[in-house]
C-alpha atoms as a PDB file:
ATOM      1  CA  UNK A   1       2.367  33.238  -0.724  1.00  0.00           C
ATOM      2  CA  UNK A   2       1.659  31.250   2.467  1.00  0.00           C
ATOM      3  CA  UNK A   3       2.041  27.495   2.768  1.00  0.00           C
ATOM      4  CA  UNK A   4      -1.693  27.283   3.518  1.00  0.00           C
ATOM      5  CA  UNK A   5      -2.569  29.051   0.271  1.00  0.00           C
ATOM      6  CA  UNK A   6      -0.207  26.817  -1.683  1.00  0.00           C
ATOM      7  CA  UNK A   7      -1.713  23.737  -0.079  1.00  0.00           C
ATOM      8  CA  UNK A   8      -5.235  24.890  -0.950  1.00  0.00           C
ATOM      9  CA  UNK A   9      -4.254  25.613  -4.538  1.00  0.00           C
ATOM     10  CA  UNK A  10      -2.581  22.215  -4.754  1.00  0.00           C
ATOM     11  CA  UNK A  11      -5.693  20.505  -3.417  1.00  0.00           C
ATOM     12  CA  UNK A  12      -7.866  22.325  -5.973  1.00  0.00           C
ATOM     13  CA  UNK A  13      -5.486  21.390  -8.797  1.00  0.00           C
ATOM     14  CA  UNK A  14      -5.514  17.759  -7.675  1.00  0.00           C
ATOM     15  CA  UNK A  15      -9.319  17.716  -7.513  1.00  0.00           C
ATOM     16  CA  UNK A  16      -9.589  19.166 -11.020  1.00  0.00           C
ATOM     17  CA  UNK A  17      -7.065  16.678 -12.404  1.00  0.00           C
ATOM     18  CA  UNK A  18      -8.846  13.739 -10.804  1.00  0.00           C
ATOM     19  CA  UNK A  19     -12.244  14.969 -11.975  1.00  0.00           C
ATOM     20  CA  UNK A  20     -10.995  14.607 -15.551  1.00  0.00           C
ATOM     21  CA  UNK A  21     -10.421  10.861 -15.071  1.00  0.00           C
ATOM     22  CA  UNK A  22     -13.207   8.369 -15.823  1.00  0.00           C
ATOM     23  CA  UNK A  23     -14.941   7.198 -12.654  1.00  0.00           C
ATOM     24  CA  UNK A  24     -13.807   3.627 -13.277  1.00  0.00           C
ATOM     25  CA  UNK A  25     -10.202   4.780 -13.358  1.00  0.00           C
ATOM     26  CA  UNK A  26     -10.121   6.671 -10.086  1.00  0.00           C
ATOM     27  CA  UNK A  27      -9.195   5.528  -6.624  1.00  0.00           C
ATOM     28  CA  UNK A  28     -11.916   5.704  -4.009  1.00  0.00           C
ATOM     29  CA  UNK A  29     -11.415   7.999  -1.040  1.00  0.00           C
ATOM     30  CA  UNK A  30     -10.535   4.956   1.043  1.00  0.00           C
ATOM     31  CA  UNK A  31      -8.013   3.733  -1.522  1.00  0.00           C
ATOM     32  CA  UNK A  32      -6.386   7.172  -1.656  1.00  0.00           C
ATOM     33  CA  UNK A  33      -5.709   6.998   2.078  1.00  0.00           C
ATOM     34  CA  UNK A  34      -3.868   3.667   1.850  1.00  0.00           C
ATOM     35  CA  UNK A  35      -0.591   4.798   0.192  1.00  0.00           C
ATOM     36  CA  UNK A  36      -0.511   7.826   2.490  1.00  0.00           C
ATOM     37  CA  UNK A  37      -0.869   5.613   5.566  1.00  0.00           C
ATOM     38  CA  UNK A  38       1.829   3.306   4.211  1.00  0.00           C
ATOM     39  CA  UNK A  39       4.286   6.027   3.268  1.00  0.00           C
ATOM     40  CA  UNK A  40       4.007   7.833   6.611  1.00  0.00           C
ATOM     41  CA  UNK A  41       4.332   4.510   8.442  1.00  0.00           C
ATOM     42  CA  UNK A  42       7.500   3.671   6.500  1.00  0.00           C
ATOM     43  CA  UNK A  43       8.905   7.150   7.191  1.00  0.00           C
ATOM     44  CA  UNK A  44       7.961   6.980  10.900  1.00  0.00           C
ATOM     45  CA  UNK A  45       6.099  10.285  10.474  1.00  0.00           C
ATOM     46  CA  UNK A  46       3.619   9.812  13.302  1.00  0.00           C
ATOM     47  CA  UNK A  47       1.731  13.138  13.100  1.00  0.00           C
ATOM     48  CA  UNK A  48       1.006  12.647   9.404  1.00  0.00           C
ATOM     49  CA  UNK A  49       0.282   8.946   9.935  1.00  0.00           C
ATOM     50  CA  UNK A  50      -2.272   9.979  12.543  1.00  0.00           C
ATOM     51  CA  UNK A  51      -3.945  12.318  10.035  1.00  0.00           C
ATOM     52  CA  UNK A  52      -3.885   9.691   7.263  1.00  0.00           C
ATOM     53  CA  UNK A  53      -5.428   7.049   9.535  1.00  0.00           C
ATOM     54  CA  UNK A  54      -8.203   9.476  10.426  1.00  0.00           C
ATOM     55  CA  UNK A  55      -8.656  10.190   6.704  1.00  0.00           C
ATOM     56  CA  UNK A  56      -8.969   6.491   5.946  1.00  0.00           C
ATOM     57  CA  UNK A  57     -11.418   5.803   8.765  1.00  0.00           C
ATOM     58  CA  UNK A  58     -13.490   8.847   7.758  1.00  0.00           C
ATOM     59  CA  UNK A  59     -13.634   7.380   4.233  1.00  0.00           C
ATOM     60  CA  UNK A  60     -15.072   4.086   5.466  1.00  0.00           C
ATOM     61  CA  UNK A  61     -11.949   2.050   6.163  1.00  0.00           C
ATOM     62  CA  UNK A  62     -12.674  -0.485   8.880  1.00  0.00           C
ATOM     63  CA  UNK A  63     -10.458  -0.895  11.901  1.00  0.00           C
ATOM     64  CA  UNK A  64      -9.622  -4.411  10.696  1.00  0.00           C
ATOM     65  CA  UNK A  65      -8.474  -3.071   7.311  1.00  0.00           C
ATOM     66  CA  UNK A  66      -6.302  -0.403   8.944  1.00  0.00           C
ATOM     67  CA  UNK A  67      -4.738  -3.011  11.220  1.00  0.00           C
ATOM     68  CA  UNK A  68      -4.113  -5.354   8.294  1.00  0.00           C
ATOM     69  CA  UNK A  69      -2.336  -2.648   6.274  1.00  0.00           C
ATOM     70  CA  UNK A  70       0.031  -1.919   9.150  1.00  0.00           C
ATOM     71  CA  UNK A  71       0.601  -5.600   9.941  1.00  0.00           C
ATOM     72  CA  UNK A  72       1.436  -6.448   6.322  1.00  0.00           C
ATOM     73  CA  UNK A  73       3.909  -3.601   6.072  1.00  0.00           C
ATOM     74  CA  UNK A  74       6.209  -5.105   8.672  1.00  0.00           C
ATOM     75  CA  UNK A  75       7.379  -7.306   5.771  1.00  0.00           C
ATOM     76  CA  UNK A  76       8.496  -4.180   3.897  1.00  0.00           C
ATOM     77  CA  UNK A  77       9.403  -1.717   6.646  1.00  0.00           C
ATOM     78  CA  UNK A  78      10.225  -3.901   9.670  1.00  0.00           C
ATOM     79  CA  UNK A  79       8.568  -4.903  12.927  1.00  0.00           C
ATOM     80  CA  UNK A  80       9.557  -1.763  14.906  1.00  0.00           C
ATOM     81  CA  UNK A  81       7.810   0.584  12.465  1.00  0.00           C
ATOM     82  CA  UNK A  82       4.807  -1.715  12.225  1.00  0.00           C
ATOM     83  CA  UNK A  83       4.444  -1.925  15.998  1.00  0.00           C
ATOM     84  CA  UNK A  84       4.796   1.844  16.387  1.00  0.00           C
ATOM     85  CA  UNK A  85       2.185   2.427  13.685  1.00  0.00           C
ATOM     86  CA  UNK A  86      -0.244  -0.025  15.287  1.00  0.00           C
ATOM     87  CA  UNK A  87       0.217   1.855  18.553  1.00  0.00           C
ATOM     88  CA  UNK A  88      -0.656   5.067  16.720  1.00  0.00           C
ATOM     89  CA  UNK A  89      -3.761   3.426  15.239  1.00  0.00           C
ATOM     90  CA  UNK A  90      -4.841   2.367  18.734  1.00  0.00           C
ATOM     91  CA  UNK A  91      -4.556   5.985  19.894  1.00  0.00           C
ATOM     92  CA  UNK A  92      -6.501   7.198  16.849  1.00  0.00           C
ATOM     93  CA  UNK A  93      -9.326   4.730  17.437  1.00  0.00           C
ATOM     94  CA  UNK A  94      -9.505   5.590  21.149  1.00  0.00           C
ATOM     95  CA  UNK A  95      -9.541   9.338  20.423  1.00  0.00           C
ATOM     96  CA  UNK A  96     -12.316   8.894  17.875  1.00  0.00           C
ATOM     97  CA  UNK A  97     -14.371   6.887  20.385  1.00  0.00           C
ATOM     98  CA  UNK A  98     -14.003   9.723  22.885  1.00  0.00           C
ATOM     99  CA  UNK A  99     -15.375  12.101  20.237  1.00  0.00           C
ATOM    100  CA  UNK A 100     -18.364   9.812  19.753  1.00  0.00           C
ATOM    101  CA  UNK A 101     -17.197   8.278  16.464  1.00  0.00           C
ATOM    102  CA  UNK A 102     -17.949   4.578  16.190  1.00  0.00           C
ATOM    103  CA  UNK A 103     -15.767   3.135  13.434  1.00  0.00           C
ATOM    104  CA  UNK A 104     -16.781  -0.156  11.871  1.00  0.00           C
ATOM    105  CA  UNK A 105     -14.671  -2.951  13.368  1.00  0.00           C
ATOM    106  CA  UNK A 106     -14.505  -4.890  10.089  1.00  0.00           C
ATOM    107  CA  UNK A 107     -13.897  -8.598   9.969  1.00  0.00           C
ATOM    108  CA  UNK A 108     -11.250 -11.193  10.473  1.00  0.00           C
ATOM    109  CA  UNK A 109     -10.193 -13.510   7.596  1.00  0.00           C
ATOM    110  CA  UNK A 110     -13.077 -15.722   6.488  1.00  0.00           C
ATOM    111  CA  UNK A 111     -11.003 -18.894   6.266  1.00  0.00           C
ATOM    112  CA  UNK A 112      -8.022 -20.361   8.095  1.00  0.00           C
ATOM    113  CA  UNK A 113      -4.636 -19.903   6.474  1.00  0.00           C
ATOM    114  CA  UNK A 114      -3.186 -23.281   5.435  1.00  0.00           C
ATOM    115  CA  UNK A 115      -0.030 -24.671   6.999  1.00  0.00           C
ATOM    116  CA  UNK A 116       2.927 -26.809   6.024  1.00  0.00           C
ATOM    117  CA  UNK A 117       3.327 -27.899   2.421  1.00  0.00           C
ATOM    118  CA  UNK A 118      -0.123 -26.537   1.525  1.00  0.00           C
ATOM    119  CA  UNK A 119       0.887 -23.077   2.743  1.00  0.00           C
ATOM    120  CA  UNK A 120       4.031 -23.148   0.597  1.00  0.00           C
ATOM    121  CA  UNK A 121       2.018 -24.264  -2.439  1.00  0.00           C
ATOM    122  CA  UNK A 122      -0.631 -21.564  -1.967  1.00  0.00           C
ATOM    123  CA  UNK A 123       1.984 -18.900  -1.331  1.00  0.00           C
ATOM    124  CA  UNK A 124       3.949 -19.908  -4.411  1.00  0.00           C
ATOM    125  CA  UNK A 125       0.788 -19.723  -6.514  1.00  0.00           C
ATOM    126  CA  UNK A 126      -0.037 -16.268  -5.122  1.00  0.00           C
ATOM    127  CA  UNK A 127       3.517 -15.061  -5.740  1.00  0.00           C
ATOM    128  CA  UNK A 128       3.384 -16.298  -9.344  1.00  0.00           C
ATOM    129  CA  UNK A 129       0.045 -14.539 -10.000  1.00  0.00           C
ATOM    130  CA  UNK A 130       1.246 -11.252  -8.540  1.00  0.00           C
ATOM    131  CA  UNK A 131       4.713 -11.426 -10.132  1.00  0.00           C
ATOM    132  CA  UNK A 132       3.420 -12.567 -13.514  1.00  0.00           C
ATOM    133  CA  UNK A 133       5.722 -15.603 -13.628  1.00  0.00           C
ATOM    134  CA  UNK A 134       7.559 -17.946 -11.262  1.00  0.00           C
ATOM    135  CA  UNK A 135      10.142 -15.963  -9.320  1.00  0.00           C
ATOM    136  CA  UNK A 136      13.655 -17.142 -10.123  1.00  0.00           C
ATOM    137  CA  UNK A 137      16.688 -14.904 -10.331  1.00  0.00           C
ATOM    138  CA  UNK A 138      20.325 -14.691  -9.285  1.00  0.00           C
ATOM    139  CA  UNK A 139      19.453 -13.693  -5.717  1.00  0.00           C
ATOM    140  CA  UNK A 140      16.958 -16.514  -5.176  1.00  0.00           C
ATOM    141  CA  UNK A 141      19.400 -18.982  -6.733  1.00  0.00           C
ATOM    142  CA  UNK A 142      22.153 -17.686  -4.445  1.00  0.00           C
ATOM    143  CA  UNK A 143      19.909 -17.785  -1.331  1.00  0.00           C
ATOM    144  CA  UNK A 144      16.879 -20.033  -1.938  1.00  0.00           C
ATOM    145  CA  UNK A 145      15.612 -19.652   1.634  1.00  0.00           C
ATOM    146  CA  UNK A 146      14.675 -16.001   1.066  1.00  0.00           C
ATOM    147  CA  UNK A 147      12.248 -17.054  -1.651  1.00  0.00           C
ATOM    148  CA  UNK A 148      10.857 -19.779   0.593  1.00  0.00           C
ATOM    149  CA  UNK A 149      10.161 -17.138   3.241  1.00  0.00           C
ATOM    150  CA  UNK A 150       8.511 -14.903   0.641  1.00  0.00           C
ATOM    151  CA  UNK A 151       6.369 -17.758  -0.651  1.00  0.00           C
ATOM    152  CA  UNK A 152       5.348 -19.301   2.660  1.00  0.00           C
ATOM    153  CA  UNK A 153       5.036 -16.193   4.796  1.00  0.00           C
ATOM    154  CA  UNK A 154       4.472 -13.036   2.743  1.00  0.00           C
ATOM    155  CA  UNK A 155       2.445 -14.531  -0.113  1.00  0.00           C
ATOM    156  CA  UNK A 156       1.075 -17.351   2.026  1.00  0.00           C
ATOM    157  CA  UNK A 157       0.432 -16.316   5.628  1.00  0.00           C
ATOM    158  CA  UNK A 158      -0.233 -12.660   4.785  1.00  0.00           C
ATOM    159  CA  UNK A 159      -1.723 -12.549   1.278  1.00  0.00           C
ATOM    160  CA  UNK A 160      -4.061 -15.459   2.059  1.00  0.00           C
ATOM    161  CA  UNK A 161      -5.774 -13.316   4.701  1.00  0.00           C
ATOM    162  CA  UNK A 162      -8.856 -12.152   2.807  1.00  0.00           C
ATOM    163  CA  UNK A 163      -9.898  -9.322   5.133  1.00  0.00           C
ATOM    164  CA  UNK A 164      -7.912  -6.999   2.841  1.00  0.00           C
ATOM    165  CA  UNK A 165      -8.085  -7.313  -0.949  1.00  0.00           C
ATOM    166  CA  UNK A 166      -4.976  -7.568  -3.117  1.00  0.00           C
ATOM    167  CA  UNK A 167      -5.445  -4.143  -4.681  1.00  0.00           C
ATOM    168  CA  UNK A 168      -5.359  -2.570  -1.233  1.00  0.00           C
ATOM    169  CA  UNK A 169      -2.313  -4.650  -0.327  1.00  0.00           C
ATOM    170  CA  UNK A 170      -0.462  -3.430  -3.421  1.00  0.00           C
ATOM    171  CA  UNK A 171      -1.461   0.198  -2.811  1.00  0.00           C
ATOM    172  CA  UNK A 172       0.028  -0.151   0.666  1.00  0.00           C
ATOM    173  CA  UNK A 173       3.190  -1.811  -0.613  1.00  0.00           C
ATOM    174  CA  UNK A 174       3.748   0.846  -3.273  1.00  0.00           C
ATOM    175  CA  UNK A 175       3.208   3.605  -0.722  1.00  0.00           C
ATOM    176  CA  UNK A 176       5.721   2.128   1.706  1.00  0.00           C
ATOM    177  CA  UNK A 177       8.354   1.408  -0.950  1.00  0.00           C
ATOM    178  CA  UNK A 178       7.950   4.883  -2.465  1.00  0.00           C
ATOM    179  CA  UNK A 179       8.798   6.372   0.919  1.00  0.00           C
ATOM    180  CA  UNK A 180      11.957   4.245   1.181  1.00  0.00           C
ATOM    181  CA  UNK A 181      14.996   5.433  -0.805  1.00  0.00           C
ATOM    182  CA  UNK A 182      17.117   2.695  -2.333  1.00  0.00           C
ATOM    183  CA  UNK A 183      14.394   0.158  -3.143  1.00  0.00           C
ATOM    184  CA  UNK A 184      13.471   1.489  -6.583  1.00  0.00           C
ATOM    185  CA  UNK A 185      13.762  -1.944  -8.223  1.00  0.00           C
ATOM    186  CA  UNK A 186      11.192  -3.403  -5.821  1.00  0.00           C
ATOM    187  CA  UNK A 187       8.973  -0.337  -6.301  1.00  0.00           C
ATOM    188  CA  UNK A 188       8.988  -0.863 -10.073  1.00  0.00           C
ATOM    189  CA  UNK A 189       8.149  -4.518  -9.544  1.00  0.00           C
ATOM    190  CA  UNK A 190       5.168  -3.652  -7.364  1.00  0.00           C
ATOM    191  CA  UNK A 191       3.922  -1.043  -9.814  1.00  0.00           C
ATOM    192  CA  UNK A 192       3.711  -3.872 -12.339  1.00  0.00           C
ATOM    193  CA  UNK A 193       2.142  -6.140  -9.719  1.00  0.00           C
ATOM    194  CA  UNK A 194      -0.466  -3.466  -8.974  1.00  0.00           C
ATOM    195  CA  UNK A 195      -1.608  -3.595 -12.579  1.00  0.00           C
ATOM    196  CA  UNK A 196      -1.725  -7.391 -12.504  1.00  0.00           C
ATOM    197  CA  UNK A 197      -4.160  -7.314  -9.569  1.00  0.00           C
ATOM    198  CA  UNK A 198      -6.454  -4.919 -11.434  1.00  0.00           C
ATOM    199  CA  UNK A 199      -5.324  -1.373 -10.704  1.00  0.00           C
ATOM    200  CA  UNK A 200      -5.246   0.765 -13.841  1.00  0.00           C
ATOM    201  CA  UNK A 201      -2.475   3.056 -15.031  1.00  0.00           C
ATOM    202  CA  UNK A 202      -4.806   5.997 -14.380  1.00  0.00           C
ATOM    203  CA  UNK A 203      -5.359   4.900 -10.787  1.00  0.00           C
ATOM    204  CA  UNK A 204      -1.610   4.539 -10.258  1.00  0.00           C
ATOM    205  CA  UNK A 205      -1.033   7.992 -11.739  1.00  0.00           C
ATOM    206  CA  UNK A 206      -3.590   9.238  -9.255  1.00  0.00           C
ATOM    207  CA  UNK A 207      -1.614   7.539  -6.488  1.00  0.00           C
ATOM    208  CA  UNK A 208       1.470   9.535  -7.482  1.00  0.00           C
ATOM    209  CA  UNK A 209      -0.621  12.719  -7.499  1.00  0.00           C
ATOM    210  CA  UNK A 210      -1.970  11.969  -4.033  1.00  0.00           C
ATOM    211  CA  UNK A 211       1.569  11.463  -2.740  1.00  0.00           C
ATOM    212  CA  UNK A 212       2.676  14.706  -4.400  1.00  0.00           C
ATOM    213  CA  UNK A 213      -0.185  16.760  -2.976  1.00  0.00           C
ATOM    214  CA  UNK A 214      -0.649  15.208   0.455  1.00  0.00           C
ATOM    215  CA  UNK A 215       2.461  13.150   1.075  1.00  0.00           C
ATOM    216  CA  UNK A 216       6.200  13.488   0.571  1.00  0.00           C
ATOM    217  CA  UNK A 217       7.731  14.969  -2.587  1.00  0.00           C
ATOM    218  CA  UNK A 218      10.530  12.404  -2.665  1.00  0.00           C
ATOM    219  CA  UNK A 219       8.085   9.516  -2.375  1.00  0.00           C
ATOM    220  CA  UNK A 220       5.934  10.992  -5.127  1.00  0.00           C
ATOM    221  CA  UNK A 221       8.940  11.379  -7.429  1.00  0.00           C
ATOM    222  CA  UNK A 222      10.091   7.808  -6.878  1.00  0.00           C
ATOM    223  CA  UNK A 223       6.556   6.493  -7.438  1.00  0.00           C
ATOM    224  CA  UNK A 224       6.115   8.512 -10.633  1.00  0.00           C
ATOM    225  CA  UNK A 225       9.440   7.346 -12.059  1.00  0.00           C
ATOM    226  CA  UNK A 226       8.674   3.731 -11.165  1.00  0.00           C
ATOM    227  CA  UNK A 227       5.276   3.930 -12.834  1.00  0.00           C
ATOM    228  CA  UNK A 228       6.753   5.441 -16.000  1.00  0.00           C
ATOM    229  CA  UNK A 229       9.324   2.652 -16.182  1.00  0.00           C
ATOM    230  CA  UNK A 230       6.732  -0.041 -15.429  1.00  0.00           C
ATOM    231  CA  UNK A 231       4.446   1.227 -18.199  1.00  0.00           C
ATOM    232  CA  UNK A 232       7.342   1.394 -20.650  1.00  0.00           C
ATOM    233  CA  UNK A 233       8.287  -2.193 -19.823  1.00  0.00           C
ATOM    234  CA  UNK A 234       4.680  -3.318 -20.215  1.00  0.00           C
ATOM    235  CA  UNK A 235       4.460  -1.722 -23.665  1.00  0.00           C
ATOM    236  CA  UNK A 236       7.809  -3.111 -24.732  1.00  0.00           C
ATOM    237  CA  UNK A 237       9.437   0.314 -24.695  1.00  0.00           C
END
């Protein structure tokens, strides 16, 4: 059986499985593209990143939203991968313009990000909401500055930018972490965070299916295991 036939059968199976989910518990087409974009960015898989960016833009993702996903992910995958991915997005947008496709530019954040002590306070509040409790553990006690950077920069400078909602930010984070071996603890944490910002267990199961059918098998396996463990923890199991 050819790879093309297998891929088609897999796509049909995925569509049937997703059709069985209630509409309120499914990811939109745009949301489905986000973890794919993130995982291919984290893996430096430029051909598949190119396809996923086109998929997202075709589904109504604005250029601003695509930029914001790739900018945020430098905090999880590093500046070099973020810069390379933004370069790929630029090529995608230019190629689409040449084909006569005018993608919506989107918008910039609607309010200025605070600075100084206010930024740290806002970032700490955002971190606490997303984490479910104030973050304090052996690592942050051992190196307090890392938590200050997380609070002021990641959860302050980045998460205060409201041109991308928190659900989209968590879908991107989960996608990138799933593609990165060795960060399973952080992946589990962000599966739980995804539910705190309003994503349902069914939507997160769909995310793992999307990764399995259209992404990388290893990333899908890590995401599925993390979700199972996160749900068990949430139910006290």
